[in-house]
Amino acid sequence: MGVANIIHAYAPLVVSVGGAVALNNPELVLDPIRDRLDGMVMTNIPEVNLTDLGDEVVVKGAVASALTGGTGDRSRL
């Protein structure tokens, strides 16, 4: 599962899931992820939530990437 790989690489405290499919079917997307993480993650299991950014999450991420030269470093704004 890709989410487990992200968790092992970055050790986040919270994983936010977005996109039209997740926003319109949260129980079909989030519940299977939560159910499987315990057996796949060897570190602390983060909280898995639906994004607070709504349908515009991709646009906001693209703008943030463009403004920071792809680094996400807010000090470059």
PDB file of N, CA and C in Angstrom:
ATOM      1  N   MET A   1       0.847  -1.176   0.000  1.00  0.00           N
ATOM      2  CA  MET A   1       0.000   0.000   0.000  1.00  0.00           C
ATOM      3  C   MET A   1       0.890   1.237   0.000  1.00  0.00           C
ATOM      4  N   GLY A   2       0.619   2.149  -0.910  1.00  0.00           N
ATOM      5  CA  GLY A   2       1.410   3.363  -1.048  1.00  0.00           C
ATOM      6  C   GLY A   2       1.409   4.233   0.195  1.00  0.00           C
ATOM      7  N   VAL A   3       0.298   4.252   0.917  1.00  0.00           N
ATOM      8  CA  VAL A   3       0.215   5.074   2.127  1.00  0.00           C
ATOM      9  C   VAL A   3       1.229   4.583   3.160  1.00  0.00           C
ATOM     10  N   ALA A   4       1.392   3.277   3.291  1.00  0.00           N
ATOM     11  CA  ALA A   4       2.373   2.730   4.234  1.00  0.00           C
ATOM     12  C   ALA A   4       3.785   3.146   3.841  1.00  0.00           C
ATOM     13  N   ASN A   5       4.087   3.176   2.560  1.00  0.00           N
ATOM     14  CA  ASN A   5       5.410   3.623   2.099  1.00  0.00           C
ATOM     15  C   ASN A   5       5.663   5.080   2.468  1.00  0.00           C
ATOM     16  N   ILE A   6       4.669   5.917   2.290  1.00  0.00           N
ATOM     17  CA  ILE A   6       4.784   7.340   2.653  1.00  0.00           C
ATOM     18  C   ILE A   6       5.019   7.477   4.156  1.00  0.00           C
ATOM     19  N   ILE A   7       4.290   6.693   4.940  1.00  0.00           N
ATOM     20  CA  ILE A   7       4.438   6.753   6.398  1.00  0.00           C
ATOM     21  C   ILE A   7       5.846   6.334   6.809  1.00  0.00           C
ATOM     22  N   HIS A   8       6.374   5.271   6.207  1.00  0.00           N
ATOM     23  CA  HIS A   8       7.736   4.839   6.542  1.00  0.00           C
ATOM     24  C   HIS A   8       8.779   5.868   6.102  1.00  0.00           C
ATOM     25  N   ALA A   9       8.541   6.530   4.992  1.00  0.00           N
ATOM     26  CA  ALA A   9       9.513   7.501   4.485  1.00  0.00           C
ATOM     27  C   ALA A   9       9.520   8.802   5.280  1.00  0.00           C
ATOM     28  N   TYR A  10       8.344   9.268   5.717  1.00  0.00           N
ATOM     29  CA  TYR A  10       8.249  10.601   6.318  1.00  0.00           C
ATOM     30  C   TYR A  10       7.797  10.631   7.771  1.00  0.00           C
ATOM     31  N   ALA A  11       7.270   9.528   8.300  1.00  0.00           N
ATOM     32  CA  ALA A  11       6.794   9.435   9.690  1.00  0.00           C
ATOM     33  C   ALA A  11       5.854  10.586  10.073  1.00  0.00           C
ATOM     34  N   PRO A  12       4.793  10.803   9.304  1.00  0.00           N
ATOM     35  CA  PRO A  12       3.875  11.897   9.644  1.00  0.00           C
ATOM     36  C   PRO A  12       3.006  11.534  10.846  1.00  0.00           C
ATOM     37  N   LEU A  13       2.509  12.560  11.517  1.00  0.00           N
ATOM     38  CA  LEU A  13       1.562  12.339  12.612  1.00  0.00           C
ATOM     39  C   LEU A  13       0.138  12.241  12.081  1.00  0.00           C
ATOM     40  N   VAL A  14      -0.100  12.893  10.943  1.00  0.00           N
ATOM     41  CA  VAL A  14      -1.427  12.896  10.316  1.00  0.00           C
ATOM     42  C   VAL A  14      -1.253  12.698   8.819  1.00  0.00           C
ATOM     43  N   VAL A  15      -2.100  11.873   8.231  1.00  0.00           N
ATOM     44  CA  VAL A  15      -2.153  11.713   6.779  1.00  0.00           C
ATOM     45  C   VAL A  15      -3.506  12.238   6.328  1.00  0.00           C
ATOM     46  N   SER A  16      -3.487  13.227   5.442  1.00  0.00           N
ATOM     47  CA  SER A  16      -4.718  13.788   4.903  1.00  0.00           C
ATOM     48  C   SER A  16      -4.934  13.251   3.499  1.00  0.00           C
ATOM     49  N   VAL A  17      -6.115  12.711   3.271  1.00  0.00           N
ATOM     50  CA  VAL A  17      -6.462  12.134   1.981  1.00  0.00           C
ATOM     51  C   VAL A  17      -7.456  13.062   1.305  1.00  0.00           C
ATOM     52  N   GLY A  18      -7.232  13.343   0.019  1.00  0.00           N
ATOM     53  CA  GLY A  18      -8.129  14.219  -0.712  1.00  0.00           C
ATOM     54  C   GLY A  18      -8.462  13.659  -2.067  1.00  0.00           C
ATOM     55  N   GLY A  19      -9.123  14.467  -2.853  1.00  0.00           N
ATOM     56  CA  GLY A  19      -9.544  14.063  -4.185  1.00  0.00           C
ATOM     57  C   GLY A  19     -11.038  13.794  -4.216  1.00  0.00           C
ATOM     58  N   ALA A  20     -11.591  13.827  -5.398  1.00  0.00           N
ATOM     59  CA  ALA A  20     -13.039  13.689  -5.561  1.00  0.00           C
ATOM     60  C   ALA A  20     -13.567  12.360  -5.050  1.00  0.00           C
ATOM     61  N   VAL A  21     -12.845  11.279  -5.318  1.00  0.00           N
ATOM     62  CA  VAL A  21     -13.320   9.960  -4.882  1.00  0.00           C
ATOM     63  C   VAL A  21     -13.368   9.896  -3.361  1.00  0.00           C
ATOM     64  N   ALA A  22     -12.303  10.330  -2.701  1.00  0.00           N
ATOM     65  CA  ALA A  22     -12.265  10.290  -1.239  1.00  0.00           C
ATOM     66  C   ALA A  22     -13.293  11.226  -0.621  1.00  0.00           C
ATOM     67  N   LEU A  23     -13.432  12.427  -1.185  1.00  0.00           N
ATOM     68  CA  LEU A  23     -14.372  13.389  -0.623  1.00  0.00           C
ATOM     69  C   LEU A  23     -15.816  12.936  -0.768  1.00  0.00           C
ATOM     70  N   ASN A  24     -16.121  12.219  -1.828  1.00  0.00           N
ATOM     71  CA  ASN A  24     -17.504  11.767  -2.051  1.00  0.00           C
ATOM     72  C   ASN A  24     -17.789  10.389  -1.473  1.00  0.00           C
ATOM     73  N   ASN A  25     -16.762   9.631  -1.097  1.00  0.00           N
ATOM     74  CA  ASN A  25     -16.918   8.279  -0.541  1.00  0.00           C
ATOM     75  C   ASN A  25     -15.920   8.036   0.586  1.00  0.00           C
ATOM     76  N   PRO A  26     -15.945   8.858   1.622  1.00  0.00           N
ATOM     77  CA  PRO A  26     -14.899   8.730   2.648  1.00  0.00           C
ATOM     78  C   PRO A  26     -14.833   7.357   3.304  1.00  0.00           C
ATOM     79  N   GLU A  27     -15.974   6.731   3.556  1.00  0.00           N
ATOM     80  CA  GLU A  27     -15.951   5.426   4.221  1.00  0.00           C
ATOM     81  C   GLU A  27     -15.352   4.346   3.327  1.00  0.00           C
ATOM     82  N   LEU A  28     -15.500   4.484   2.007  1.00  0.00           N
ATOM     83  CA  LEU A  28     -14.946   3.498   1.087  1.00  0.00           C
ATOM     84  C   LEU A  28     -13.446   3.678   0.869  1.00  0.00           C
ATOM     85  N   VAL A  29     -12.946   4.858   1.144  1.00  0.00           N
ATOM     86  CA  VAL A  29     -11.524   5.144   0.942  1.00  0.00           C
ATOM     87  C   VAL A  29     -10.750   5.090   2.266  1.00  0.00           C
ATOM     88  N   LEU A  30     -11.237   5.799   3.275  1.00  0.00           N
ATOM     89  CA  LEU A  30     -10.486   5.919   4.525  1.00  0.00           C
ATOM     90  C   LEU A  30     -10.521   4.661   5.388  1.00  0.00           C
ATOM     91  N   ASP A  31     -11.674   4.017   5.499  1.00  0.00           N
ATOM     92  CA  ASP A  31     -11.780   2.843   6.373  1.00  0.00           C
ATOM     93  C   ASP A  31     -10.830   1.712   5.967  1.00  0.00           C
ATOM     94  N   PRO A  32     -10.727   1.356   4.677  1.00  0.00           N
ATOM     95  CA  PRO A  32      -9.763   0.308   4.309  1.00  0.00           C
ATOM     96  C   PRO A  32      -8.314   0.690   4.603  1.00  0.00           C
ATOM     97  N   ILE A  33      -7.981   1.957   4.444  1.00  0.00           N
ATOM     98  CA  ILE A  33      -6.619   2.408   4.752  1.00  0.00           C
ATOM     99  C   ILE A  33      -6.360   2.233   6.244  1.00  0.00           C
ATOM    100  N   ARG A  34      -7.272   2.732   7.060  1.00  0.00           N
ATOM    101  CA  ARG A  34      -7.114   2.626   8.521  1.00  0.00           C
ATOM    102  C   ARG A  34      -7.035   1.167   8.972  1.00  0.00           C
ATOM    103  N   ASP A  35      -7.864   0.324   8.381  1.00  0.00           N
ATOM    104  CA  ASP A  35      -7.901  -1.090   8.767  1.00  0.00           C
ATOM    105  C   ASP A  35      -6.594  -1.812   8.465  1.00  0.00           C
ATOM    106  N   ARG A  36      -5.922  -1.455   7.397  1.00  0.00           N
ATOM    107  CA  ARG A  36      -4.723  -2.179   6.968  1.00  0.00           C
ATOM    108  C   ARG A  36      -3.409  -1.619   7.515  1.00  0.00           C
ATOM    109  N   LEU A  37      -3.418  -0.383   7.984  1.00  0.00           N
ATOM    110  CA  LEU A  37      -2.164   0.238   8.423  1.00  0.00           C
ATOM    111  C   LEU A  37      -1.511  -0.501   9.580  1.00  0.00           C
ATOM    112  N   ASP A  38      -2.292  -1.007  10.507  1.00  0.00           N
ATOM    113  CA  ASP A  38      -1.728  -1.663  11.680  1.00  0.00           C
ATOM    114  C   ASP A  38      -0.814  -2.835  11.299  1.00  0.00           C
ATOM    115  N   GLY A  39      -1.179  -3.568  10.275  1.00  0.00           N
ATOM    116  CA  GLY A  39      -0.369  -4.695   9.850  1.00  0.00           C
ATOM    117  C   GLY A  39       0.744  -4.348   8.883  1.00  0.00           C
ATOM    118  N   MET A  40       0.774  -3.109   8.400  1.00  0.00           N
ATOM    119  CA  MET A  40       1.751  -2.734   7.381  1.00  0.00           C
ATOM    120  C   MET A  40       2.795  -1.723   7.847  1.00  0.00           C
ATOM    121  N   VAL A  41       2.500  -1.008   8.914  1.00  0.00           N
ATOM    122  CA  VAL A  41       3.387   0.068   9.365  1.00  0.00           C
ATOM    123  C   VAL A  41       4.163  -0.385  10.592  1.00  0.00           C
ATOM    124  N   MET A  42       5.480  -0.194  10.549  1.00  0.00           N
ATOM    125  CA  MET A  42       6.343  -0.635  11.642  1.00  0.00           C
ATOM    126  C   MET A  42       6.661   0.483  12.629  1.00  0.00           C
ATOM    127  N   THR A  43       6.139   1.661  12.387  1.00  0.00           N
ATOM    128  CA  THR A  43       6.362   2.799  13.274  1.00  0.00           C
ATOM    129  C   THR A  43       5.016   3.211  13.854  1.00  0.00           C
ATOM    130  N   ASN A  44       4.964   4.404  14.423  1.00  0.00           N
ATOM    131  CA  ASN A  44       3.690   4.911  14.935  1.00  0.00           C
ATOM    132  C   ASN A  44       2.693   5.064  13.802  1.00  0.00           C
ATOM    133  N   ILE A  45       1.481   4.650  14.041  1.00  0.00           N
ATOM    134  CA  ILE A  45       0.437   4.757  13.023  1.00  0.00           C
ATOM    135  C   ILE A  45      -0.195   6.138  13.123  1.00  0.00           C
ATOM    136  N   PRO A  46      -0.142   6.912  12.036  1.00  0.00           N
ATOM    137  CA  PRO A  46      -0.695   8.260  12.080  1.00  0.00           C
ATOM    138  C   PRO A  46      -2.219   8.258  11.996  1.00  0.00           C
ATOM    139  N   GLU A  47      -2.771   9.380  12.328  1.00  0.00           N
ATOM    140  CA  GLU A  47      -4.199   9.614  12.167  1.00  0.00           C
ATOM    141  C   GLU A  47      -4.470   9.784  10.661  1.00  0.00           C
ATOM    142  N   VAL A  48      -5.505   9.157  10.147  1.00  0.00           N
ATOM    143  CA  VAL A  48      -5.842   9.273   8.727  1.00  0.00           C
ATOM    144  C   VAL A  48      -7.159  10.019   8.624  1.00  0.00           C
ATOM    145  N   ASN A  49      -7.131  11.186   7.981  1.00  0.00           N
ATOM    146  CA  ASN A  49      -8.302  12.062   7.887  1.00  0.00           C
ATOM    147  C   ASN A  49      -8.571  12.473   6.445  1.00  0.00           C
ATOM    148  N   LEU A  50      -9.760  12.958   6.233  1.00  0.00           N
ATOM    149  CA  LEU A  50     -10.127  13.591   4.970  1.00  0.00           C
ATOM    150  C   LEU A  50      -9.556  15.003   4.982  1.00  0.00           C
ATOM    151  N   THR A  51      -9.065  15.481   3.862  1.00  0.00           N
ATOM    152  CA  THR A  51      -8.477  16.816   3.799  1.00  0.00           C
ATOM    153  C   THR A  51      -9.473  17.908   4.168  1.00  0.00           C
ATOM    154  N   ASP A  52      -8.960  18.969   4.764  1.00  0.00           N
ATOM    155  CA  ASP A  52      -9.776  20.144   5.080  1.00  0.00           C
ATOM    156  C   ASP A  52      -9.846  21.094   3.892  1.00  0.00           C
ATOM    157  N   LEU A  53      -9.065  20.834   2.848  1.00  0.00           N
ATOM    158  CA  LEU A  53      -8.957  21.768   1.730  1.00  0.00           C
ATOM    159  C   LEU A  53     -10.024  21.576   0.663  1.00  0.00           C
ATOM    160  N   GLY A  54     -10.843  20.552   0.777  1.00  0.00           N
ATOM    161  CA  GLY A  54     -11.947  20.354  -0.151  1.00  0.00           C
ATOM    162  C   GLY A  54     -11.512  19.968  -1.549  1.00  0.00           C
ATOM    163  N   ASP A  55     -12.358  20.277  -2.521  1.00  0.00           N
ATOM    164  CA  ASP A  55     -12.122  19.908  -3.915  1.00  0.00           C
ATOM    165  C   ASP A  55     -10.944  20.634  -4.550  1.00  0.00           C
ATOM    166  N   GLU A  56     -10.515  21.730  -3.972  1.00  0.00           N
ATOM    167  CA  GLU A  56      -9.457  22.526  -4.580  1.00  0.00           C
ATOM    168  C   GLU A  56      -8.061  22.140  -4.096  1.00  0.00           C
ATOM    169  N   VAL A  57      -7.935  20.994  -3.436  1.00  0.00           N
ATOM    170  CA  VAL A  57      -6.656  20.597  -2.869  1.00  0.00           C
ATOM    171  C   VAL A  57      -5.569  20.489  -3.935  1.00  0.00           C
ATOM    172  N   VAL A  58      -5.891  19.980  -5.113  1.00  0.00           N
ATOM    173  CA  VAL A  58      -4.887  19.817  -6.168  1.00  0.00           C
ATOM    174  C   VAL A  58      -4.435  21.178  -6.687  1.00  0.00           C
ATOM    175  N   VAL A  59      -5.366  22.086  -6.877  1.00  0.00           N
ATOM    176  CA  VAL A  59      -5.027  23.426  -7.365  1.00  0.00           C
ATOM    177  C   VAL A  59      -4.173  24.152  -6.332  1.00  0.00           C
ATOM    178  N   LYS A  60      -4.547  24.057  -5.079  1.00  0.00           N
ATOM    179  CA  LYS A  60      -3.771  24.719  -4.023  1.00  0.00           C
ATOM    180  C   LYS A  60      -2.362  24.133  -3.922  1.00  0.00           C
ATOM    181  N   GLY A  61      -2.239  22.828  -4.068  1.00  0.00           N
ATOM    182  CA  GLY A  61      -0.926  22.189  -4.039  1.00  0.00           C
ATOM    183  C   GLY A  61      -0.068  22.602  -5.217  1.00  0.00           C
ATOM    184  N   ALA A  62      -0.680  22.712  -6.390  1.00  0.00           N
ATOM    185  CA  ALA A  62       0.058  23.132  -7.584  1.00  0.00           C
ATOM    186  C   ALA A  62       0.548  24.571  -7.441  1.00  0.00           C
ATOM    187  N   VAL A  63      -0.290  25.437  -6.904  1.00  0.00           N
ATOM    188  CA  VAL A  63       0.106  26.835  -6.697  1.00  0.00           C
ATOM    189  C   VAL A  63       1.238  26.913  -5.674  1.00  0.00           C
ATOM    190  N   ALA A  64       1.110  26.171  -4.577  1.00  0.00           N
ATOM    191  CA  ALA A  64       2.162  26.167  -3.557  1.00  0.00           C
ATOM    192  C   ALA A  64       3.474  25.661  -4.133  1.00  0.00           C
ATOM    193  N   SER A  65       3.402  24.630  -4.963  1.00  0.00           N
ATOM    194  CA  SER A  65       4.607  24.086  -5.588  1.00  0.00           C
ATOM    195  C   SER A  65       5.245  25.110  -6.521  1.00  0.00           C
ATOM    196  N   ALA A  66       4.422  25.791  -7.301  1.00  0.00           N
ATOM    197  CA  ALA A  66       4.943  26.793  -8.235  1.00  0.00           C
ATOM    198  C   ALA A  66       5.579  27.966  -7.487  1.00  0.00           C
ATOM    199  N   LEU A  67       4.945  28.411  -6.417  1.00  0.00           N
ATOM    200  CA  LEU A  67       5.456  29.561  -5.676  1.00  0.00           C
ATOM    201  C   LEU A  67       6.743  29.263  -4.910  1.00  0.00           C
ATOM    202  N   THR A  68       6.956  27.997  -4.568  1.00  0.00           N
ATOM    203  CA  THR A  68       8.147  27.654  -3.770  1.00  0.00           C
ATOM    204  C   THR A  68       9.189  26.908  -4.597  1.00  0.00           C
ATOM    205  N   GLY A  69       9.033  26.902  -5.903  1.00  0.00           N
ATOM    206  CA  GLY A  69       9.985  26.211  -6.772  1.00  0.00           C
ATOM    207  C   GLY A  69       9.974  24.709  -6.579  1.00  0.00           C
ATOM    208  N   GLY A  70       8.829  24.178  -6.180  1.00  0.00           N
ATOM    209  CA  GLY A  70       8.690  22.731  -6.010  1.00  0.00           C
ATOM    210  C   GLY A  70       9.171  22.201  -4.683  1.00  0.00           C
ATOM    211  N   THR A  71       9.601  23.072  -3.782  1.00  0.00           N
ATOM    212  CA  THR A  71      10.166  22.608  -2.499  1.00  0.00           C
ATOM    213  C   THR A  71       9.129  22.561  -1.392  1.00  0.00           C
ATOM    214  N   GLY A  72       8.082  23.372  -1.478  1.00  0.00           N
ATOM    215  CA  GLY A  72       7.111  23.470  -0.385  1.00  0.00           C
ATOM    216  C   GLY A  72       7.621  24.303   0.777  1.00  0.00           C
ATOM    217  N   ASP A  73       8.794  24.890   0.623  1.00  0.00           N
ATOM    218  CA  ASP A  73       9.413  25.693   1.677  1.00  0.00           C
ATOM    219  C   ASP A  73       8.751  27.062   1.745  1.00  0.00           C
ATOM    220  N   ARG A  74       7.989  27.293   2.794  1.00  0.00           N
ATOM    221  CA  ARG A  74       7.227  28.555   2.915  1.00  0.00           C
ATOM    222  C   ARG A  74       8.124  29.778   3.050  1.00  0.00           C
ATOM    223  N   SER A  75       9.369  29.593   3.461  1.00  0.00           N
ATOM    224  CA  SER A  75      10.267  30.730   3.582  1.00  0.00           C
ATOM    225  C   SER A  75      10.633  31.296   2.216  1.00  0.00           C
ATOM    226  N   ARG A  76      10.362  30.541   1.141  1.00  0.00           N
ATOM    227  CA  ARG A  76      10.668  31.015  -0.208  1.00  0.00           C
ATOM    228  C   ARG A  76       9.544  31.854  -0.810  1.00  0.00           C
ATOM    229  N   LEU A  77       8.458  32.038  -0.062  1.00  0.00           N
ATOM    230  CA  LEU A  77       7.324  32.837  -0.585  1.00  0.00           C
ATOM    231  C   LEU A  77       7.625  34.305  -0.584  1.00  0.00           C
TER     232      LEU A  77
END
